[in-house]
PDB file of all heavy atoms in Angstrom:
ATOM      1  N   LYS A   1      10.825  19.354   2.947  1.00  0.00           N
ATOM      2  CA  LYS A   1       9.924  19.256   1.800  1.00  0.00           C
ATOM      3  C   LYS A   1       9.933  17.847   1.209  1.00  0.00           C
ATOM      4  O   LYS A   1       8.889  17.334   0.778  1.00  0.00           O
ATOM      5  CB  LYS A   1      10.298  20.283   0.731  1.00  0.00           C
ATOM      6  CG  LYS A   1       9.841  21.702   1.031  1.00  0.00           C
ATOM      7  CD  LYS A   1      10.024  22.600  -0.186  1.00  0.00           C
ATOM      8  CE  LYS A   1       9.365  23.961   0.048  1.00  0.00           C
ATOM      9  NZ  LYS A   1       9.470  24.841  -1.132  1.00  0.00           N
ATOM     10  N   TRP A   2      11.125  17.249   1.184  1.00  0.00           N
ATOM     11  CA  TRP A   2      11.181  15.900   0.622  1.00  0.00           C
ATOM     12  C   TRP A   2      10.506  14.889   1.546  1.00  0.00           C
ATOM     13  O   TRP A   2       9.776  14.002   1.090  1.00  0.00           O
ATOM     14  CB  TRP A   2      12.610  15.452   0.328  1.00  0.00           C
ATOM     15  CG  TRP A   2      12.592  14.010  -0.072  1.00  0.00           C
ATOM     16  CD1 TRP A   2      13.066  12.943   0.595  1.00  0.00           C
ATOM     17  CD2 TRP A   2      11.918  13.489  -1.223  1.00  0.00           C
ATOM     18  NE1 TRP A   2      12.762  11.785  -0.054  1.00  0.00           N
ATOM     19  CE2 TRP A   2      12.050  12.089  -1.189  1.00  0.00           C
ATOM     20  CE3 TRP A   2      11.223  14.066  -2.296  1.00  0.00           C
ATOM     21  CZ2 TRP A   2      11.520  11.255  -2.160  1.00  0.00           C
ATOM     22  CZ3 TRP A   2      10.686  13.236  -3.267  1.00  0.00           C
ATOM     23  CH2 TRP A   2      10.837  11.856  -3.200  1.00  0.00           C
ATOM     24  N   LEU A   3      10.737  14.987   2.834  1.00  0.00           N
ATOM     25  CA  LEU A   3      10.118  14.044   3.772  1.00  0.00           C
ATOM     26  C   LEU A   3       8.598  14.158   3.727  1.00  0.00           C
ATOM     27  O   LEU A   3       7.881  13.149   3.819  1.00  0.00           O
ATOM     28  CB  LEU A   3      10.638  14.288   5.188  1.00  0.00           C
ATOM     29  CG  LEU A   3      12.135  13.978   5.402  1.00  0.00           C
ATOM     30  CD1 LEU A   3      12.542  14.324   6.832  1.00  0.00           C
ATOM     31  CD2 LEU A   3      12.432  12.516   5.095  1.00  0.00           C
ATOM     32  N   SER A   4       8.098  15.365   3.532  1.00  0.00           N
ATOM     33  CA  SER A   4       6.657  15.548   3.392  1.00  0.00           C
ATOM     34  C   SER A   4       6.161  14.893   2.104  1.00  0.00           C
ATOM     35  O   SER A   4       5.090  14.256   2.082  1.00  0.00           O
ATOM     36  CB  SER A   4       6.318  17.043   3.392  1.00  0.00           C
ATOM     37  OG  SER A   4       4.934  17.252   3.203  1.00  0.00           O
ATOM     38  N   THR A   5       6.946  15.021   1.031  1.00  0.00           N
ATOM     39  CA  THR A   5       6.582  14.373  -0.231  1.00  0.00           C
ATOM     40  C   THR A   5       6.576  12.857  -0.086  1.00  0.00           C
ATOM     41  O   THR A   5       5.666  12.175  -0.566  1.00  0.00           O
ATOM     42  CB  THR A   5       7.570  14.783  -1.340  1.00  0.00           C
ATOM     43  OG1 THR A   5       7.530  16.198  -1.505  1.00  0.00           O
ATOM     44  CG2 THR A   5       7.234  14.105  -2.649  1.00  0.00           C
ATOM     45  N   LEU A   6       7.584  12.329   0.587  1.00  0.00           N
ATOM     46  CA  LEU A   6       7.684  10.884   0.782  1.00  0.00           C
ATOM     47  C   LEU A   6       6.471  10.363   1.545  1.00  0.00           C
ATOM     48  O   LEU A   6       5.906   9.312   1.216  1.00  0.00           O
ATOM     49  CB  LEU A   6       8.982  10.568   1.528  1.00  0.00           C
ATOM     50  CG  LEU A   6       9.407   9.105   1.631  1.00  0.00           C
ATOM     51  CD1 LEU A   6       9.563   8.468   0.261  1.00  0.00           C
ATOM     52  CD2 LEU A   6      10.716   9.001   2.432  1.00  0.00           C
ATOM     53  N   ASP A   7       6.040  11.107   2.544  1.00  0.00           N
ATOM     54  CA  ASP A   7       4.849  10.710   3.300  1.00  0.00           C
ATOM     55  C   ASP A   7       3.595  10.755   2.428  1.00  0.00           C
ATOM     56  O   ASP A   7       2.735   9.870   2.508  1.00  0.00           O
ATOM     57  CB  ASP A   7       4.679  11.615   4.519  1.00  0.00           C
ATOM     58  CG  ASP A   7       5.722  11.347   5.601  1.00  0.00           C
ATOM     59  OD1 ASP A   7       6.310  10.247   5.593  1.00  0.00           O
ATOM     60  OD2 ASP A   7       5.953  12.238   6.443  1.00  0.00           O
ATOM     61  N   ALA A   8       3.486  11.790   1.606  1.00  0.00           N
ATOM     62  CA  ALA A   8       2.316  11.917   0.735  1.00  0.00           C
ATOM     63  C   ALA A   8       2.260  10.767  -0.269  1.00  0.00           C
ATOM     64  O   ALA A   8       1.193  10.194  -0.532  1.00  0.00           O
ATOM     65  CB  ALA A   8       2.337  13.259   0.005  1.00  0.00           C
ATOM     66  N   LEU A   9       3.410  10.405  -0.836  1.00  0.00           N
ATOM     67  CA  LEU A   9       3.455   9.272  -1.756  1.00  0.00           C
ATOM     68  C   LEU A   9       3.085   7.983  -1.036  1.00  0.00           C
ATOM     69  O   LEU A   9       2.350   7.139  -1.576  1.00  0.00           O
ATOM     70  CB  LEU A   9       4.855   9.144  -2.372  1.00  0.00           C
ATOM     71  CG  LEU A   9       5.294  10.274  -3.308  1.00  0.00           C
ATOM     72  CD1 LEU A   9       6.777  10.141  -3.644  1.00  0.00           C
ATOM     73  CD2 LEU A   9       4.468  10.270  -4.590  1.00  0.00           C
ATOM     74  N   GLY A  10       3.571   7.827   0.188  1.00  0.00           N
ATOM     75  CA  GLY A  10       3.260   6.636   0.962  1.00  0.00           C
ATOM     76  C   GLY A  10       1.781   6.489   1.248  1.00  0.00           C
ATOM     77  O   GLY A  10       1.230   5.385   1.226  1.00  0.00           O
ATOM     78  N   ARG A  11       1.120   7.607   1.493  1.00  0.00           N
ATOM     79  CA  ARG A  11      -0.327   7.557   1.792  1.00  0.00           C
ATOM     80  C   ARG A  11      -1.163   7.299   0.547  1.00  0.00           C
ATOM     81  O   ARG A  11      -2.205   6.630   0.624  1.00  0.00           O
ATOM     82  CB  ARG A  11      -0.774   8.883   2.424  1.00  0.00           C
ATOM     83  CG  ARG A  11      -0.283   9.112   3.840  1.00  0.00           C
ATOM     84  CD  ARG A  11      -0.999  10.311   4.458  1.00  0.00           C
ATOM     85  NE  ARG A  11      -0.837  11.533   3.675  1.00  0.00           N
ATOM     86  CZ  ARG A  11       0.159  12.410   3.850  1.00  0.00           C
ATOM     87  NH1 ARG A  11       1.091  12.173   4.763  1.00  0.00           N
ATOM     88  NH2 ARG A  11       0.234  13.502   3.115  1.00  0.00           N
ATOM     89  N   ASN A  12      -0.728   7.813  -0.592  1.00  0.00           N
ATOM     90  CA  ASN A  12      -1.602   7.843  -1.766  1.00  0.00           C
ATOM     91  C   ASN A  12      -1.246   6.869  -2.893  1.00  0.00           C
ATOM     92  O   ASN A  12      -2.138   6.457  -3.642  1.00  0.00           O
ATOM     93  CB  ASN A  12      -1.630   9.266  -2.339  1.00  0.00           C
ATOM     94  CG  ASN A  12      -2.290  10.256  -1.408  1.00  0.00           C
ATOM     95  OD1 ASN A  12      -3.513  10.366  -1.369  1.00  0.00           O
ATOM     96  ND2 ASN A  12      -1.486  10.986  -0.642  1.00  0.00           N
ATOM     97  N   LEU A  13       0.034   6.522  -3.032  1.00  0.00           N
ATOM     98  CA  LEU A  13       0.432   5.687  -4.168  1.00  0.00           C
ATOM     99  C   LEU A  13       1.054   4.355  -3.762  1.00  0.00           C
ATOM    100  O   LEU A  13       1.378   3.542  -4.633  1.00  0.00           O
ATOM    101  CB  LEU A  13       1.431   6.440  -5.054  1.00  0.00           C
ATOM    102  CG  LEU A  13       0.916   7.691  -5.771  1.00  0.00           C
ATOM    103  CD1 LEU A  13       2.019   8.278  -6.660  1.00  0.00           C
ATOM    104  CD2 LEU A  13      -0.317   7.380  -6.615  1.00  0.00           C
ATOM    105  N   VAL A  14       1.225   4.104  -2.466  1.00  0.00           N
ATOM    106  CA  VAL A  14       1.882   2.885  -2.009  1.00  0.00           C
ATOM    107  C   VAL A  14       0.858   1.926  -1.427  1.00  0.00           C
ATOM    108  O   VAL A  14      -0.007   2.313  -0.634  1.00  0.00           O
ATOM    109  CB  VAL A  14       2.975   3.190  -0.964  1.00  0.00           C
ATOM    110  CG1 VAL A  14       3.641   1.908  -0.474  1.00  0.00           C
ATOM    111  CG2 VAL A  14       4.025   4.127  -1.552  1.00  0.00           C
ATOM    112  N   SER A  15       0.967   0.650  -1.848  1.00  0.00           N
ATOM    113  CA  SER A  15       0.094  -0.407  -1.346  1.00  0.00           C
ATOM    114  C   SER A  15       0.952  -1.619  -1.015  1.00  0.00           C
ATOM    115  O   SER A  15       1.425  -2.318  -1.901  1.00  0.00           O
ATOM    116  CB  SER A  15      -0.964  -0.774  -2.408  1.00  0.00           C
ATOM    117  OG  SER A  15      -1.714  -1.906  -2.022  1.00  0.00           O
ATOM    118  N   ASP A  16       1.182  -1.863   0.272  1.00  0.00           N
ATOM    119  CA  ASP A  16       1.972  -3.012   0.719  1.00  0.00           C
ATOM    120  C   ASP A  16       3.332  -3.043   0.026  1.00  0.00           C
ATOM    121  O   ASP A  16       3.730  -4.055  -0.557  1.00  0.00           O
ATOM    122  CB  ASP A  16       1.213  -4.318   0.473  1.00  0.00           C
ATOM    123  CG  ASP A  16       1.941  -5.528   1.067  1.00  0.00           C
ATOM    124  OD1 ASP A  16       2.384  -5.433   2.216  1.00  0.00           O
ATOM    125  OD2 ASP A  16       2.075  -6.547   0.359  1.00  0.00           O
ATOM    126  N   SER A  17       4.032  -1.961   0.061  1.00  0.00           N
ATOM    127  CA  SER A  17       5.367  -1.766  -0.531  1.00  0.00           C
ATOM    128  C   SER A  17       5.322  -1.567  -2.033  1.00  0.00           C
ATOM    129  O   SER A  17       6.315  -1.161  -2.640  1.00  0.00           O
ATOM    130  CB  SER A  17       6.323  -2.930  -0.220  1.00  0.00           C
ATOM    131  OG  SER A  17       6.132  -4.023  -1.117  1.00  0.00           O
ATOM    132  N   LEU A  18       4.178  -1.841  -2.684  1.00  0.00           N
ATOM    133  CA  LEU A  18       4.049  -1.672  -4.129  1.00  0.00           C
ATOM    134  C   LEU A  18       3.616  -0.246  -4.439  1.00  0.00           C
ATOM    135  O   LEU A  18       2.749   0.316  -3.759  1.00  0.00           O
ATOM    136  CB  LEU A  18       3.025  -2.660  -4.689  1.00  0.00           C
ATOM    137  CG  LEU A  18       3.340  -4.139  -4.469  1.00  0.00           C
ATOM    138  CD1 LEU A  18       2.175  -5.000  -4.933  1.00  0.00           C
ATOM    139  CD2 LEU A  18       4.609  -4.532  -5.193  1.00  0.00           C
ATOM    140  N   VAL A  19       4.205   0.331  -5.484  1.00  0.00           N
ATOM    141  CA  VAL A  19       4.004   1.751  -5.772  1.00  0.00           C
ATOM    142  C   VAL A  19       3.369   1.928  -7.155  1.00  0.00           C
ATOM    143  O   VAL A  19       3.870   1.407  -8.154  1.00  0.00           O
ATOM    144  CB  VAL A  19       5.343   2.516  -5.718  1.00  0.00           C
ATOM    145  CG1 VAL A  19       5.119   4.004  -5.985  1.00  0.00           C
ATOM    146  CG2 VAL A  19       6.010   2.312  -4.353  1.00  0.00           C
ATOM    147  N   TYR A  20       2.251   2.653  -7.187  1.00  0.00           N
ATOM    148  CA  TYR A  20       1.632   3.054  -8.454  1.00  0.00           C
ATOM    149  C   TYR A  20       2.391   4.247  -9.024  1.00  0.00           C
ATOM    150  O   TYR A  20       2.882   5.094  -8.276  1.00  0.00           O
ATOM    151  CB  TYR A  20       0.166   3.443  -8.257  1.00  0.00           C
ATOM    152  CG  TYR A  20      -0.735   2.296  -7.903  1.00  0.00           C
ATOM    153  CD1 TYR A  20      -1.010   1.980  -6.573  1.00  0.00           C
ATOM    154  CD2 TYR A  20      -1.325   1.511  -8.888  1.00  0.00           C
ATOM    155  CE1 TYR A  20      -1.846   0.916  -6.243  1.00  0.00           C
ATOM    156  CE2 TYR A  20      -2.160   0.458  -8.570  1.00  0.00           C
ATOM    157  CZ  TYR A  20      -2.422   0.161  -7.244  1.00  0.00           C
ATOM    158  OH  TYR A  20      -3.242  -0.896  -6.923  1.00  0.00           O
ATOM    159  N   ARG A  21       2.454   4.327 -10.355  1.00  0.00           N
ATOM    160  CA  ARG A  21       3.135   5.474 -10.970  1.00  0.00           C
ATOM    161  C   ARG A  21       2.384   6.764 -10.688  1.00  0.00           C
ATOM    162  O   ARG A  21       2.969   7.777 -10.325  1.00  0.00           O
ATOM    163  CB  ARG A  21       3.252   5.274 -12.484  1.00  0.00           C
ATOM    164  CG  ARG A  21       4.174   4.164 -12.894  1.00  0.00           C
ATOM    165  CD  ARG A  21       4.349   4.093 -14.391  1.00  0.00           C
ATOM    166  NE  ARG A  21       3.155   3.597 -15.083  1.00  0.00           N
ATOM    167  CZ  ARG A  21       3.083   3.389 -16.385  1.00  0.00           C
ATOM    168  NH1 ARG A  21       4.127   3.648 -17.153  1.00  0.00           N
ATOM    169  NH2 ARG A  21       1.983   2.925 -16.944  1.00  0.00           N
ATOM    170  N   TYR A  22       1.077   6.744 -10.892  1.00  0.00           N
ATOM    171  CA  TYR A  22       0.213   7.899 -10.727  1.00  0.00           C
ATOM    172  C   TYR A  22      -1.211   7.377 -10.791  1.00  0.00           C
ATOM    173  O   TYR A  22      -1.449   6.187 -11.045  1.00  0.00           O
ATOM    174  CB  TYR A  22       0.458   8.954 -11.825  1.00  0.00           C
ATOM    175  CG  TYR A  22       0.365   8.397 -13.234  1.00  0.00           C
ATOM    176  CD1 TYR A  22      -0.844   8.350 -13.931  1.00  0.00           C
ATOM    177  CD2 TYR A  22       1.497   7.896 -13.884  1.00  0.00           C
ATOM    178  CE1 TYR A  22      -0.931   7.807 -15.202  1.00  0.00           C
ATOM    179  CE2 TYR A  22       1.418   7.364 -15.160  1.00  0.00           C
ATOM    180  CZ  TYR A  22       0.206   7.326 -15.811  1.00  0.00           C
ATOM    181  OH  TYR A  22       0.127   6.782 -17.072  1.00  0.00           O
ATOM    182  N   ASP A  23      -2.170   8.240 -10.598  1.00  0.00           N
ATOM    183  CA  ASP A  23      -3.580   7.873 -10.695  1.00  0.00           C
ATOM    184  C   ASP A  23      -4.108   8.348 -12.047  1.00  0.00           C
ATOM    185  O   ASP A  23      -4.276   9.546 -12.254  1.00  0.00           O
ATOM    186  CB  ASP A  23      -4.370   8.525  -9.556  1.00  0.00           C
ATOM    187  CG  ASP A  23      -5.859   8.189  -9.616  1.00  0.00           C
ATOM    188  OD1 ASP A  23      -6.280   7.449 -10.529  1.00  0.00           O
ATOM    189  OD2 ASP A  23      -6.599   8.675  -8.740  1.00  0.00           O
ATOM    190  N   PRO A  24      -4.372   7.408 -13.002  1.00  0.00           N
ATOM    191  CA  PRO A  24      -4.845   7.839 -14.323  1.00  0.00           C
ATOM    192  C   PRO A  24      -6.150   8.611 -14.272  1.00  0.00           C
ATOM    193  O   PRO A  24      -6.432   9.423 -15.161  1.00  0.00           O
ATOM    194  CB  PRO A  24      -5.018   6.520 -15.083  1.00  0.00           C
ATOM    195  CG  PRO A  24      -4.141   5.541 -14.379  1.00  0.00           C
ATOM    196  CD  PRO A  24      -4.187   5.949 -12.937  1.00  0.00           C
ATOM    197  N   ALA A  25      -6.956   8.393 -13.231  1.00  0.00           N
ATOM    198  CA  ALA A  25      -8.214   9.138 -13.111  1.00  0.00           C
ATOM    199  C   ALA A  25      -7.945  10.605 -12.811  1.00  0.00           C
ATOM    200  O   ALA A  25      -8.656  11.497 -13.283  1.00  0.00           O
ATOM    201  CB  ALA A  25      -9.094   8.521 -12.029  1.00  0.00           C
ATOM    202  N   ALA A  26      -6.893  10.867 -12.020  1.00  0.00           N
ATOM    203  CA  ALA A  26      -6.560  12.248 -11.668  1.00  0.00           C
ATOM    204  C   ALA A  26      -5.737  12.920 -12.762  1.00  0.00           C
ATOM    205  O   ALA A  26      -5.769  14.143 -12.904  1.00  0.00           O
ATOM    206  CB  ALA A  26      -5.787  12.277 -10.347  1.00  0.00           C
ATOM    207  N   SER A  27      -4.992  12.101 -13.536  1.00  0.00           N
ATOM    208  CA  SER A  27      -4.155  12.638 -14.604  1.00  0.00           C
ATOM    209  C   SER A  27      -4.308  11.751 -15.828  1.00  0.00           C
ATOM    210  O   SER A  27      -3.514  10.838 -16.053  1.00  0.00           O
ATOM    211  CB  SER A  27      -2.682  12.684 -14.160  1.00  0.00           C
ATOM    212  OG  SER A  27      -1.862  13.202 -15.182  1.00  0.00           O
ATOM    213  N   PRO A  28      -5.351  11.962 -16.645  1.00  0.00           N
ATOM    214  CA  PRO A  28      -5.622  11.091 -17.803  1.00  0.00           C
ATOM    215  C   PRO A  28      -4.416  10.991 -18.725  1.00  0.00           C
ATOM    216  O   PRO A  28      -3.780  12.005 -19.059  1.00  0.00           O
ATOM    217  CB  PRO A  28      -6.802  11.781 -18.495  1.00  0.00           C
ATOM    218  CG  PRO A  28      -7.479  12.567 -17.409  1.00  0.00           C
ATOM    219  CD  PRO A  28      -6.366  13.033 -16.509  1.00  0.00           C
ATOM    220  N   ASP A  29      -4.097   9.746 -19.124  1.00  0.00           N
ATOM    221  CA  ASP A  29      -2.906   9.533 -19.955  1.00  0.00           C
ATOM    222  C   ASP A  29      -3.238   9.150 -21.390  1.00  0.00           C
ATOM    223  O   ASP A  29      -2.360   8.738 -22.147  1.00  0.00           O
ATOM    224  CB  ASP A  29      -1.997   8.470 -19.327  1.00  0.00           C
ATOM    225  CG  ASP A  29      -2.719   7.140 -19.071  1.00  0.00           C
ATOM    226  OD1 ASP A  29      -3.818   6.948 -19.627  1.00  0.00           O
ATOM    227  OD2 ASP A  29      -2.182   6.310 -18.321  1.00  0.00           O
ATOM    228  N   GLY A  30      -4.536   9.273 -21.768  1.00  0.00           N
ATOM    229  CA  GLY A  30      -4.921   9.010 -23.142  1.00  0.00           C
ATOM    230  C   GLY A  30      -5.154   7.557 -23.469  1.00  0.00           C
ATOM    231  O   GLY A  30      -5.330   7.197 -24.631  1.00  0.00           O
ATOM    232  N   LEU A  31      -5.155   6.694 -22.436  1.00  0.00           N
ATOM    233  CA  LEU A  31      -5.349   5.260 -22.645  1.00  0.00           C
ATOM    234  C   LEU A  31      -6.457   4.745 -21.746  1.00  0.00           C
ATOM    235  O   LEU A  31      -6.691   5.275 -20.653  1.00  0.00           O
ATOM    236  CB  LEU A  31      -4.051   4.493 -22.335  1.00  0.00           C
ATOM    237  CG  LEU A  31      -2.849   4.824 -23.231  1.00  0.00           C
ATOM    238  CD1 LEU A  31      -1.574   4.288 -22.611  1.00  0.00           C
ATOM    239  CD2 LEU A  31      -3.055   4.256 -24.625  1.00  0.00           C
ATOM    240  N   LEU A  32      -7.131   3.690 -22.210  1.00  0.00           N
ATOM    241  CA  LEU A  32      -8.177   3.067 -21.424  1.00  0.00           C
ATOM    242  C   LEU A  32      -7.568   2.089 -20.415  1.00  0.00           C
ATOM    243  O   LEU A  32      -6.485   1.555 -20.619  1.00  0.00           O
ATOM    244  CB  LEU A  32      -9.156   2.316 -22.334  1.00  0.00           C
ATOM    245  CG  LEU A  32      -9.906   3.154 -23.376  1.00  0.00           C
ATOM    246  CD1 LEU A  32     -10.730   2.250 -24.281  1.00  0.00           C
ATOM    247  CD2 LEU A  32     -10.786   4.201 -22.691  1.00  0.00           C
ATOM    248  N   GLY A  33      -8.296   1.824 -19.332  1.00  0.00           N
ATOM    249  CA  GLY A  33      -7.880   0.801 -18.378  1.00  0.00           C
ATOM    250  C   GLY A  33      -6.998   1.346 -17.279  1.00  0.00           C
ATOM    251  O   GLY A  33      -6.635   2.522 -17.237  1.00  0.00           O
ATOM    252  N   GLN A  34      -6.628   0.435 -16.378  1.00  0.00           N
ATOM    253  CA  GLN A  34      -5.851   0.786 -15.202  1.00  0.00           C
ATOM    254  C   GLN A  34      -4.465   0.156 -15.269  1.00  0.00           C
ATOM    255  O   GLN A  34      -4.250  -0.884 -15.879  1.00  0.00           O
ATOM    256  CB  GLN A  34      -6.562   0.292 -13.929  1.00  0.00           C
ATOM    257  CG  GLN A  34      -7.882   1.001 -13.643  1.00  0.00           C
ATOM    258  CD  GLN A  34      -7.675   2.438 -13.214  1.00  0.00           C
ATOM    259  OE1 GLN A  34      -6.759   2.747 -12.460  1.00  0.00           O
ATOM    260  NE2 GLN A  34      -8.538   3.330 -13.678  1.00  0.00           N
ATOM    261  N   ASP A  35      -3.515   0.813 -14.604  1.00  0.00           N
ATOM    262  CA  ASP A  35      -2.175   0.274 -14.421  1.00  0.00           C
ATOM    263  C   ASP A  35      -2.146  -0.643 -13.214  1.00  0.00           C
ATOM    264  O   ASP A  35      -2.925  -0.485 -12.268  1.00  0.00           O
ATOM    265  CB  ASP A  35      -1.207   1.421 -14.131  1.00  0.00           C
ATOM    266  CG  ASP A  35      -0.400   1.812 -15.354  1.00  0.00           C
ATOM    267  OD1 ASP A  35      -0.420   1.075 -16.351  1.00  0.00           O
ATOM    268  OD2 ASP A  35       0.262   2.855 -15.297  1.00  0.00           O
ATOM    269  N   GLY A  36      -1.193  -1.575 -13.208  1.00  0.00           N
ATOM    270  CA  GLY A  36      -0.799  -2.207 -11.963  1.00  0.00           C
ATOM    271  C   GLY A  36       0.218  -1.315 -11.274  1.00  0.00           C
ATOM    272  O   GLY A  36       0.513  -0.194 -11.710  1.00  0.00           O
ATOM    273  N   THR A  37       0.778  -1.806 -10.189  1.00  0.00           N
ATOM    274  CA  THR A  37       1.866  -1.071  -9.553  1.00  0.00           C
ATOM    275  C   THR A  37       3.129  -1.271 -10.381  1.00  0.00           C
ATOM    276  O   THR A  37       3.339  -2.316 -10.986  1.00  0.00           O
ATOM    277  CB  THR A  37       2.099  -1.545  -8.116  1.00  0.00           C
ATOM    278  OG1 THR A  37       2.373  -2.956  -8.121  1.00  0.00           O
ATOM    279  CG2 THR A  37       0.875  -1.255  -7.262  1.00  0.00           C
ATOM    280  N   PHE A  38       3.967  -0.248 -10.401  1.00  0.00           N
ATOM    281  CA  PHE A  38       5.139  -0.233 -11.275  1.00  0.00           C
ATOM    282  C   PHE A  38       6.362  -0.618 -10.462  1.00  0.00           C
ATOM    283  O   PHE A  38       6.747   0.089  -9.535  1.00  0.00           O
ATOM    284  CB  PHE A  38       5.296   1.163 -11.877  1.00  0.00           C
ATOM    285  CG  PHE A  38       5.816   1.156 -13.276  1.00  0.00           C
ATOM    286  CD1 PHE A  38       5.073   0.602 -14.300  1.00  0.00           C
ATOM    287  CD2 PHE A  38       7.058   1.709 -13.571  1.00  0.00           C
ATOM    288  CE1 PHE A  38       5.560   0.607 -15.615  1.00  0.00           C
ATOM    289  CE2 PHE A  38       7.539   1.723 -14.868  1.00  0.00           C
ATOM    290  CZ  PHE A  38       6.793   1.164 -15.894  1.00  0.00           C
ATOM    291  N   SER A  39       6.998  -1.731 -10.820  1.00  0.00           N
ATOM    292  CA  SER A  39       8.011  -2.311  -9.935  1.00  0.00           C
ATOM    293  C   SER A  39       9.253  -1.445  -9.795  1.00  0.00           C
ATOM    294  O   SER A  39       9.868  -1.410  -8.724  1.00  0.00           O
ATOM    295  CB  SER A  39       8.385  -3.708 -10.423  1.00  0.00           C
ATOM    296  OG  SER A  39       7.281  -4.588 -10.284  1.00  0.00           O
ATOM    297  N   ILE A  40       9.645  -0.702 -10.837  1.00  0.00           N
ATOM    298  CA  ILE A  40      10.811   0.163 -10.661  1.00  0.00           C
ATOM    299  C   ILE A  40      10.519   1.236  -9.615  1.00  0.00           C
ATOM    300  O   ILE A  40      11.387   1.591  -8.809  1.00  0.00           O
ATOM    301  CB  ILE A  40      11.263   0.801 -11.992  1.00  0.00           C
ATOM    302  CG1 ILE A  40      12.595   1.521 -11.782  1.00  0.00           C
ATOM    303  CG2 ILE A  40      10.229   1.730 -12.583  1.00  0.00           C
ATOM    304  CD1 ILE A  40      13.225   2.063 -13.033  1.00  0.00           C
ATOM    305  N   CYS A  41       9.286   1.729  -9.592  1.00  0.00           N
ATOM    306  CA  CYS A  41       8.919   2.736  -8.596  1.00  0.00           C
ATOM    307  C   CYS A  41       8.964   2.147  -7.184  1.00  0.00           C
ATOM    308  O   CYS A  41       9.326   2.830  -6.219  1.00  0.00           O
ATOM    309  CB  CYS A  41       7.521   3.285  -8.882  1.00  0.00           C
ATOM    310  SG  CYS A  41       7.384   4.141 -10.464  1.00  0.00           S
TER     311      CYS A  41
END
């Protein structure tokens, strides 16, 4: 289950080793604008 999750995150939230926290369009966070990739992630 974890390896499947890791693959899903890699396909959807990872860009050249950089990782987005989440997609604000899919999960509105109450703020305008877009995030960059989050370095701790």
